[in-house]
Amino acid sequence: MKTITTNTKIPVPVDVATCPACDGKLTVEEVDSLVEQDDGKYMAESVFPSCENDEDYRLHEYTYDMPYVYWLPVVLEIEAWVNENFRFVWE
């Protein structure tokens, strides 16, 4: 498990997730909220990935008729992967 600061950009491996709109590579640009653990470090409660072909998935997601159908499973998969591999400290 790697400890990183809250402003670290995290590239998402393509075997974890890709953009459902264009199959582009994703990067976690923002961790929206954190949950404190017993050791004083934090787990991500929600993450916002960006696509290499669009700077913000919240804009890119609306290219689909049903963004929750396409983006929500991807975001949940990324959150699970982030929490399996990283803990956060405040910078």
C-alpha atoms as a PDB file:
ATOM      1  CA  MET A   1       0.000   0.000   0.000  1.00  0.00           C
ATOM      2  CA  LYS A   2       1.431   3.349  -1.036  1.00  0.00           C
ATOM      3  CA  THR A   3       0.872   6.567   0.926  1.00  0.00           C
ATOM      4  CA  ILE A   4       0.458   9.689  -1.215  1.00  0.00           C
ATOM      5  CA  THR A   5      -0.617  13.275  -0.732  1.00  0.00           C
ATOM      6  CA  THR A   6      -4.139  14.400  -1.479  1.00  0.00           C
ATOM      7  CA  ASN A   7      -3.106  16.351  -4.571  1.00  0.00           C
ATOM      8  CA  THR A   8      -1.281  13.478  -6.303  1.00  0.00           C
ATOM      9  CA  LYS A   9      -2.620  12.609  -9.747  1.00  0.00           C
ATOM     10  CA  ILE A  10      -3.121   8.853 -10.076  1.00  0.00           C
ATOM     11  CA  PRO A  11      -2.944   7.208 -13.519  1.00  0.00           C
ATOM     12  CA  VAL A  12      -5.519   4.419 -13.731  1.00  0.00           C
ATOM     13  CA  PRO A  13      -4.181   1.218 -15.335  1.00  0.00           C
ATOM     14  CA  VAL A  14      -6.136   0.231 -18.444  1.00  0.00           C
ATOM     15  CA  ASP A  15      -6.802  -3.189 -16.920  1.00  0.00           C
ATOM     16  CA  VAL A  16      -8.695  -1.413 -14.101  1.00  0.00           C
ATOM     17  CA  ALA A  17     -10.788   0.961 -16.225  1.00  0.00           C
ATOM     18  CA  THR A  18     -10.911   3.020 -19.388  1.00  0.00           C
ATOM     19  CA  CYS A  19     -13.236   5.778 -20.508  1.00  0.00           C
ATOM     20  CA  PRO A  20     -16.627   4.325 -21.421  1.00  0.00           C
ATOM     21  CA  ALA A  21     -17.162   7.088 -23.981  1.00  0.00           C
ATOM     22  CA  CYS A  22     -13.965   6.699 -26.007  1.00  0.00           C
ATOM     23  CA  ASP A  23     -11.852   3.954 -24.346  1.00  0.00           C
ATOM     24  CA  GLY A  24      -9.221   6.578 -23.441  1.00  0.00           C
ATOM     25  CA  LYS A  25      -6.847   6.350 -20.485  1.00  0.00           C
ATOM     26  CA  LEU A  26      -8.108   7.723 -17.182  1.00  0.00           C
ATOM     27  CA  THR A  27      -6.363   9.625 -14.402  1.00  0.00           C
ATOM     28  CA  VAL A  28      -7.728  10.364 -10.951  1.00  0.00           C
ATOM     29  CA  GLU A  29      -7.371  14.139 -10.878  1.00  0.00           C
ATOM     30  CA  GLU A  30      -9.336  14.763  -7.713  1.00  0.00           C
ATOM     31  CA  VAL A  31     -10.246  12.908  -4.544  1.00  0.00           C
ATOM     32  CA  ASP A  32     -13.448  14.620  -3.515  1.00  0.00           C
ATOM     33  CA  SER A  33     -13.718  13.362   0.042  1.00  0.00           C
ATOM     34  CA  LEU A  34     -11.719  11.192   2.415  1.00  0.00           C
ATOM     35  CA  VAL A  35     -12.469   8.924   5.351  1.00  0.00           C
ATOM     36  CA  GLU A  36      -9.957   8.849   8.221  1.00  0.00           C
ATOM     37  CA  GLN A  37      -8.554   5.464   9.230  1.00  0.00           C
ATOM     38  CA  ASP A  38      -7.268   4.355  12.649  1.00  0.00           C
ATOM     39  CA  ASP A  39      -3.664   5.037  11.626  1.00  0.00           C
ATOM     40  CA  GLY A  40      -4.395   8.698  10.849  1.00  0.00           C
ATOM     41  CA  LYS A  41      -4.245   8.151   7.092  1.00  0.00           C
ATOM     42  CA  TYR A  42      -7.219   8.484   4.799  1.00  0.00           C
ATOM     43  CA  MET A  43      -9.103   6.386   2.248  1.00  0.00           C
ATOM     44  CA  ALA A  44     -10.839   7.928  -0.750  1.00  0.00           C
ATOM     45  CA  GLU A  45     -14.585   8.228  -0.398  1.00  0.00           C
ATOM     46  CA  SER A  46     -15.135   9.543  -3.905  1.00  0.00           C
ATOM     47  CA  VAL A  47     -12.841  10.135  -6.848  1.00  0.00           C
ATOM     48  CA  PHE A  48     -13.168  12.083 -10.080  1.00  0.00           C
ATOM     49  CA  PRO A  49     -11.280  10.616 -13.031  1.00  0.00           C
ATOM     50  CA  SER A  50     -10.453  12.541 -16.156  1.00  0.00           C
ATOM     51  CA  CYS A  51     -10.097  11.093 -19.620  1.00  0.00           C
ATOM     52  CA  GLU A  52      -7.026  11.774 -21.720  1.00  0.00           C
ATOM     53  CA  ASN A  53      -9.433  12.968 -24.420  1.00  0.00           C
ATOM     54  CA  ASP A  54     -11.505  15.244 -22.157  1.00  0.00           C
ATOM     55  CA  GLU A  55     -10.284  17.059 -19.081  1.00  0.00           C
ATOM     56  CA  ASP A  56     -13.246  16.290 -16.828  1.00  0.00           C
ATOM     57  CA  TYR A  57     -15.389  13.164 -16.879  1.00  0.00           C
ATOM     58  CA  ARG A  58     -18.291  15.161 -15.439  1.00  0.00           C
ATOM     59  CA  LEU A  59     -18.417  16.971 -18.795  1.00  0.00           C
ATOM     60  CA  HIS A  60     -17.450  13.948 -20.905  1.00  0.00           C
ATOM     61  CA  GLU A  61     -20.120  11.772 -19.272  1.00  0.00           C
ATOM     62  CA  TYR A  62     -22.912  13.837 -20.756  1.00  0.00           C
ATOM     63  CA  THR A  63     -22.018  12.694 -24.252  1.00  0.00           C
ATOM     64  CA  TYR A  64     -24.061   9.632 -23.296  1.00  0.00           C
ATOM     65  CA  ASP A  65     -27.820   9.557 -22.805  1.00  0.00           C
ATOM     66  CA  MET A  66     -27.476   7.773 -19.443  1.00  0.00           C
ATOM     67  CA  PRO A  67     -24.234   8.793 -17.687  1.00  0.00           C
ATOM     68  CA  TYR A  68     -24.956   6.806 -14.531  1.00  0.00           C
ATOM     69  CA  VAL A  69     -25.284   3.627 -16.551  1.00  0.00           C
ATOM     70  CA  TYR A  70     -21.911   4.146 -18.238  1.00  0.00           C
ATOM     71  CA  TRP A  71     -19.817   6.167 -15.774  1.00  0.00           C
ATOM     72  CA  LEU A  72     -20.966   5.055 -12.318  1.00  0.00           C
ATOM     73  CA  PRO A  73     -19.647   1.471 -12.629  1.00  0.00           C
ATOM     74  CA  VAL A  74     -16.305   2.839 -13.885  1.00  0.00           C
ATOM     75  CA  VAL A  75     -15.997   5.338 -11.028  1.00  0.00           C
ATOM     76  CA  LEU A  76     -16.879   2.676  -8.440  1.00  0.00           C
ATOM     77  CA  GLU A  77     -14.266   0.321  -9.900  1.00  0.00           C
ATOM     78  CA  ILE A  78     -11.633   3.071  -9.761  1.00  0.00           C
ATOM     79  CA  GLU A  79     -12.552   3.954  -6.153  1.00  0.00           C
ATOM     80  CA  ALA A  80     -12.160   0.313  -5.115  1.00  0.00           C
ATOM     81  CA  TRP A  81      -8.783   0.078  -6.879  1.00  0.00           C
ATOM     82  CA  VAL A  82      -7.558   3.342  -5.324  1.00  0.00           C
ATOM     83  CA  ASN A  83      -8.504   2.156  -1.836  1.00  0.00           C
ATOM     84  CA  GLU A  84      -6.819  -1.213  -2.358  1.00  0.00           C
ATOM     85  CA  ASN A  85      -3.569   0.474  -3.355  1.00  0.00           C
ATOM     86  CA  PHE A  86      -3.333   3.910  -1.729  1.00  0.00           C
ATOM     87  CA  ARG A  87      -3.777   5.835   1.500  1.00  0.00           C
ATOM     88  CA  PHE A  88      -3.702   9.601   1.665  1.00  0.00           C
ATOM     89  CA  VAL A  89      -2.083  12.167   3.929  1.00  0.00           C
ATOM     90  CA  TRP A  90      -2.833  15.866   3.890  1.00  0.00           C
ATOM     91  CA  GLU A  91      -0.074  17.922   2.332  1.00  0.00           C
END
